[in-house]
């Protein structure tokens, strides 16, 4: 393994697996642009149930010969 690869691996390992945020690399923020609102757990569960029920209703509208 080339020297620069070894160095990168150990920096990555220190940050990600060992939790050393000073000597290692920590990846954060990759999905920050995807977060549009903060919801409570209750809101997330209600939305999940509503989406499930809507999908279930759509499957009941599919003609039986397709299924």
C-alpha atoms as a PDB file:
ATOM      1  CA  UNK A   1       0.000   0.000   0.000  1.00  0.00           C
ATOM      2  CA  UNK A   2       1.461   3.416  -0.944  1.00  0.00           C
ATOM      3  CA  UNK A   3       2.483   5.689   1.907  1.00  0.00           C
ATOM      4  CA  UNK A   4      -0.246   8.289   1.277  1.00  0.00           C
ATOM      5  CA  UNK A   5      -2.923   5.575   1.341  1.00  0.00           C
ATOM      6  CA  UNK A   6      -1.687   4.246   4.682  1.00  0.00           C
ATOM      7  CA  UNK A   7      -1.695   7.730   6.166  1.00  0.00           C
ATOM      8  CA  UNK A   8      -5.217   8.424   4.919  1.00  0.00           C
ATOM      9  CA  UNK A   9      -6.462   5.080   6.263  1.00  0.00           C
ATOM     10  CA  UNK A  10      -5.094   5.711   9.744  1.00  0.00           C
ATOM     11  CA  UNK A  11      -6.452   9.281   9.844  1.00  0.00           C
ATOM     12  CA  UNK A  12      -9.839   7.963   8.740  1.00  0.00           C
ATOM     13  CA  UNK A  13      -9.696   5.104  11.247  1.00  0.00           C
ATOM     14  CA  UNK A  14      -8.821   7.433  14.129  1.00  0.00           C
ATOM     15  CA  UNK A  15     -11.746   9.711  13.420  1.00  0.00           C
ATOM     16  CA  UNK A  16     -14.489   7.328  12.390  1.00  0.00           C
ATOM     17  CA  UNK A  17     -13.762   4.176  14.393  1.00  0.00           C
ATOM     18  CA  UNK A  18     -11.845   5.470  17.390  1.00  0.00           C
ATOM     19  CA  UNK A  19     -13.685   8.777  17.801  1.00  0.00           C
ATOM     20  CA  UNK A  20     -10.532  10.904  17.852  1.00  0.00           C
ATOM     21  CA  UNK A  21     -11.852  14.168  16.396  1.00  0.00           C
ATOM     22  CA  UNK A  22      -8.550  16.003  16.879  1.00  0.00           C
ATOM     23  CA  UNK A  23      -6.153  13.623  15.107  1.00  0.00           C
ATOM     24  CA  UNK A  24      -8.655  11.875  12.855  1.00  0.00           C
ATOM     25  CA  UNK A  25     -11.098  12.733  10.123  1.00  0.00           C
ATOM     26  CA  UNK A  26     -14.810  12.841  10.840  1.00  0.00           C
ATOM     27  CA  UNK A  27     -17.322  13.037   8.020  1.00  0.00           C
ATOM     28  CA  UNK A  28     -20.383  15.119   8.840  1.00  0.00           C
ATOM     29  CA  UNK A  29     -22.969  17.126   6.976  1.00  0.00           C
ATOM     30  CA  UNK A  30     -23.421  14.979   3.868  1.00  0.00           C
ATOM     31  CA  UNK A  31     -27.208  15.070   4.139  1.00  0.00           C
ATOM     32  CA  UNK A  32     -27.623  18.467   5.770  1.00  0.00           C
ATOM     33  CA  UNK A  33     -29.155  19.917   2.601  1.00  0.00           C
ATOM     34  CA  UNK A  34     -31.813  17.182   2.643  1.00  0.00           C
ATOM     35  CA  UNK A  35     -33.187  18.216   6.030  1.00  0.00           C
ATOM     36  CA  UNK A  36     -36.026  20.671   5.501  1.00  0.00           C
ATOM     37  CA  UNK A  37     -37.711  20.515   8.894  1.00  0.00           C
ATOM     38  CA  UNK A  38     -37.302  19.021  12.333  1.00  0.00           C
ATOM     39  CA  UNK A  39     -40.072  16.684  13.430  1.00  0.00           C
ATOM     40  CA  UNK A  40     -40.901  14.978  16.665  1.00  0.00           C
ATOM     41  CA  UNK A  41     -40.893  11.189  16.812  1.00  0.00           C
ATOM     42  CA  UNK A  42     -44.681  11.321  17.017  1.00  0.00           C
ATOM     43  CA  UNK A  43     -44.874  13.323  13.773  1.00  0.00           C
ATOM     44  CA  UNK A  44     -42.504  10.938  12.002  1.00  0.00           C
ATOM     45  CA  UNK A  45     -44.523   7.873  13.059  1.00  0.00           C
ATOM     46  CA  UNK A  46     -47.836   9.493  12.080  1.00  0.00           C
ATOM     47  CA  UNK A  47     -46.417  10.429   8.667  1.00  0.00           C
ATOM     48  CA  UNK A  48     -45.087   6.891   8.208  1.00  0.00           C
ATOM     49  CA  UNK A  49     -48.490   5.381   9.049  1.00  0.00           C
ATOM     50  CA  UNK A  50     -50.330   7.825   6.776  1.00  0.00           C
ATOM     51  CA  UNK A  51     -47.954   7.093   3.892  1.00  0.00           C
ATOM     52  CA  UNK A  52     -48.367   3.355   4.457  1.00  0.00           C
ATOM     53  CA  UNK A  53     -52.162   3.621   4.483  1.00  0.00           C
ATOM     54  CA  UNK A  54     -52.125   5.725   1.291  1.00  0.00           C
ATOM     55  CA  UNK A  55     -49.896   3.150  -0.440  1.00  0.00           C
ATOM     56  CA  UNK A  56     -52.125   0.320   0.771  1.00  0.00           C
ATOM     57  CA  UNK A  57     -55.175   2.127  -0.606  1.00  0.00           C
ATOM     58  CA  UNK A  58     -53.450   2.534  -3.986  1.00  0.00           C
ATOM     59  CA  UNK A  59     -52.669  -1.191  -4.130  1.00  0.00           C
ATOM     60  CA  UNK A  60     -56.340  -1.996  -3.552  1.00  0.00           C
ATOM     61  CA  UNK A  61     -57.194   0.130  -6.600  1.00  0.00           C
ATOM     62  CA  UNK A  62     -54.958  -1.991  -8.875  1.00  0.00           C
ATOM     63  CA  UNK A  63     -57.021  -4.452 -10.932  1.00  0.00           C
ATOM     64  CA  UNK A  64     -56.580  -8.007  -9.693  1.00  0.00           C
ATOM     65  CA  UNK A  65     -55.441  -9.306 -13.088  1.00  0.00           C
ATOM     66  CA  UNK A  66     -52.289  -7.165 -12.794  1.00  0.00           C
ATOM     67  CA  UNK A  67     -51.370  -8.644  -9.414  1.00  0.00           C
END
